[in-house]
N, C-alpha and C. Protein backbone atom coordinates (compact mmCIF):
# COMPACT_ATOMS: atom_id res chain seq x y z
N MET A 1 -68.43 -98.21 -108.24
CA MET A 1 -67.64 -98.72 -107.09
C MET A 1 -66.25 -98.75 -107.49
N LEU A 2 -65.86 -99.07 -108.85
CA LEU A 2 -64.55 -99.05 -109.15
C LEU A 2 -64.06 -97.68 -109.18
N HIS A 3 -64.90 -96.75 -109.57
CA HIS A 3 -64.53 -95.28 -109.58
C HIS A 3 -64.11 -94.92 -108.19
N TYR A 4 -64.76 -95.21 -107.27
CA TYR A 4 -64.48 -94.77 -105.85
C TYR A 4 -63.12 -95.40 -105.38
N ALA A 5 -62.78 -96.69 -105.81
CA ALA A 5 -61.59 -97.32 -105.52
C ALA A 5 -60.51 -96.54 -106.09
N ILE A 6 -60.56 -96.18 -107.29
CA ILE A 6 -59.60 -95.42 -108.00
C ILE A 6 -59.46 -93.96 -107.27
N VAL A 7 -60.46 -93.31 -106.88
CA VAL A 7 -60.39 -92.02 -106.31
C VAL A 7 -59.59 -92.28 -104.89
N PHE A 8 -59.95 -93.16 -104.19
CA PHE A 8 -59.24 -93.43 -102.83
C PHE A 8 -57.75 -93.76 -103.12
N PHE A 9 -57.50 -94.40 -104.09
CA PHE A 9 -55.99 -94.72 -104.45
C PHE A 9 -55.38 -93.48 -104.82
N LEU A 10 -56.03 -92.64 -105.59
CA LEU A 10 -55.38 -91.31 -105.94
C LEU A 10 -55.08 -90.49 -104.74
N ILE A 11 -56.08 -90.54 -103.85
CA ILE A 11 -55.90 -89.77 -102.62
C ILE A 11 -54.75 -90.19 -101.85
N ALA A 12 -54.59 -91.58 -101.83
CA ALA A 12 -53.41 -92.12 -101.06
C ALA A 12 -52.10 -91.68 -101.69
N ILE A 13 -52.05 -91.66 -103.03
CA ILE A 13 -50.86 -91.36 -103.63
C ILE A 13 -50.44 -89.87 -103.34
N VAL A 14 -51.47 -89.01 -103.43
CA VAL A 14 -51.32 -87.58 -103.16
C VAL A 14 -50.77 -87.43 -101.58
N ALA A 15 -51.50 -88.12 -100.76
CA ALA A 15 -51.20 -88.00 -99.24
C ALA A 15 -49.85 -88.54 -99.06
N ALA A 16 -49.40 -89.52 -99.70
CA ALA A 16 -48.06 -90.11 -99.55
C ALA A 16 -46.94 -89.21 -100.13
N VAL A 17 -47.25 -88.46 -101.16
CA VAL A 17 -46.30 -87.54 -101.61
C VAL A 17 -45.97 -86.44 -100.79
N PHE A 18 -47.12 -86.02 -100.09
CA PHE A 18 -47.10 -84.93 -99.09
C PHE A 18 -46.67 -85.35 -97.72
N GLY A 19 -46.36 -86.58 -97.49
CA GLY A 19 -45.87 -86.99 -96.30
C GLY A 19 -46.95 -87.44 -95.22
N PHE A 20 -48.09 -87.44 -95.47
CA PHE A 20 -49.21 -88.05 -94.61
C PHE A 20 -49.45 -89.44 -94.68
N GLY A 21 -48.56 -90.15 -93.98
CA GLY A 21 -48.49 -91.58 -94.01
C GLY A 21 -49.69 -92.19 -93.49
N GLY A 22 -50.40 -91.82 -92.40
CA GLY A 22 -51.39 -92.39 -91.87
C GLY A 22 -52.72 -92.17 -92.67
N ILE A 23 -52.91 -91.00 -93.32
CA ILE A 23 -53.94 -90.95 -94.31
C ILE A 23 -53.92 -91.78 -95.43
N ALA A 24 -52.71 -91.74 -95.94
CA ALA A 24 -52.39 -92.67 -97.19
C ALA A 24 -52.65 -94.20 -96.86
N ALA A 25 -52.30 -94.58 -95.71
CA ALA A 25 -52.50 -96.03 -95.37
C ALA A 25 -54.09 -96.24 -95.23
N SER A 26 -54.70 -95.26 -94.59
CA SER A 26 -56.19 -95.48 -94.51
C SER A 26 -56.89 -95.47 -95.84
N ALA A 27 -56.36 -94.50 -96.88
CA ALA A 27 -57.09 -94.46 -98.04
C ALA A 27 -56.80 -95.68 -98.95
N VAL A 28 -55.63 -96.37 -98.84
CA VAL A 28 -55.23 -97.47 -99.56
C VAL A 28 -56.02 -98.65 -99.04
N GLY A 29 -56.30 -98.70 -97.63
CA GLY A 29 -57.10 -99.72 -97.18
C GLY A 29 -58.60 -99.66 -97.72
N ILE A 30 -59.06 -98.41 -97.69
CA ILE A 30 -60.48 -98.15 -98.20
C ILE A 30 -60.45 -98.64 -99.65
N ALA A 31 -59.55 -98.30 -100.42
CA ALA A 31 -59.47 -98.57 -101.91
C ALA A 31 -59.39 -100.04 -102.04
N LYS A 32 -58.57 -100.77 -101.40
CA LYS A 32 -58.56 -102.23 -101.45
C LYS A 32 -59.94 -102.95 -101.11
N ILE A 33 -60.60 -102.42 -100.01
CA ILE A 33 -61.89 -102.90 -99.81
C ILE A 33 -62.84 -102.73 -100.92
N LEU A 34 -62.93 -101.55 -101.38
CA LEU A 34 -63.84 -101.15 -102.51
C LEU A 34 -63.56 -101.93 -103.66
N PHE A 35 -62.27 -102.09 -104.04
CA PHE A 35 -61.94 -102.97 -105.33
C PHE A 35 -62.34 -104.42 -105.04
N PHE A 36 -62.13 -104.98 -103.98
CA PHE A 36 -62.46 -106.41 -103.86
C PHE A 36 -64.04 -106.45 -103.84
N ILE A 37 -64.77 -105.56 -103.29
CA ILE A 37 -66.26 -105.61 -103.31
C ILE A 37 -66.69 -105.48 -104.82
N PHE A 38 -66.00 -104.63 -105.61
CA PHE A 38 -66.31 -104.39 -106.98
C PHE A 38 -66.05 -105.80 -107.70
N LEU A 39 -64.87 -106.24 -107.43
CA LEU A 39 -64.54 -107.71 -108.13
C LEU A 39 -65.54 -108.70 -107.83
N ALA A 40 -66.07 -108.90 -106.50
CA ALA A 40 -67.02 -109.90 -106.30
C ALA A 40 -68.27 -109.61 -106.89
N LEU A 41 -68.75 -108.34 -106.84
CA LEU A 41 -70.05 -108.07 -107.54
C LEU A 41 -69.97 -108.33 -109.08
N ALA A 42 -68.79 -108.14 -109.66
CA ALA A 42 -68.51 -108.27 -111.09
C ALA A 42 -68.62 -109.82 -111.40
N VAL A 43 -68.08 -110.60 -110.55
CA VAL A 43 -68.04 -112.04 -110.87
C VAL A 43 -69.50 -112.62 -110.70
N VAL A 44 -70.23 -111.98 -109.67
CA VAL A 44 -71.60 -112.56 -109.39
C VAL A 44 -72.41 -112.09 -110.63
N SER A 45 -72.17 -110.92 -111.14
CA SER A 45 -72.95 -110.47 -112.22
C SER A 45 -72.79 -111.15 -113.50
N VAL A 46 -71.53 -111.61 -113.72
CA VAL A 46 -71.04 -112.41 -114.88
C VAL A 46 -71.81 -113.80 -114.75
N VAL A 47 -71.64 -114.34 -113.60
CA VAL A 47 -72.28 -115.64 -113.38
C VAL A 47 -73.75 -115.78 -113.56
N MET A 48 -74.36 -114.60 -113.02
CA MET A 48 -75.87 -114.60 -113.08
C MET A 48 -76.31 -114.37 -114.59
N GLY A 49 -75.51 -113.47 -115.32
CA GLY A 49 -75.82 -113.23 -116.70
C GLY A 49 -75.73 -114.54 -117.54
N ALA A 50 -74.65 -115.51 -117.33
CA ALA A 50 -74.49 -116.67 -117.93
C ALA A 50 -75.68 -117.52 -117.68
N LEU A 51 -76.18 -117.71 -116.32
CA LEU A 51 -77.15 -118.55 -116.05
C LEU A 51 -78.54 -118.16 -116.55
N ARG A 52 -78.74 -116.74 -116.83
CA ARG A 52 -79.96 -116.19 -117.26
C ARG A 52 -80.19 -116.66 -118.71
N LYS A 53 -79.01 -116.67 -119.44
CA LYS A 53 -79.15 -116.96 -120.97
C LYS A 53 -79.47 -118.38 -121.24
N ARG A 54 -79.51 -119.22 -120.31
CA ARG A 54 -79.80 -120.61 -120.57
C ARG A 54 -81.25 -120.84 -120.52
């Protein structure tokens, strides 16, 4: 999931360099959503791993 967030961020940078503002804004929005989903799943995974060891 983090991989896809980075890919969309790179697409946004390339689109912004070439002047495609709408595409860049959309790609950044998708990248932010994917990053926060990754972050939430990572936190849940760490908490579940800590609870499982008890």
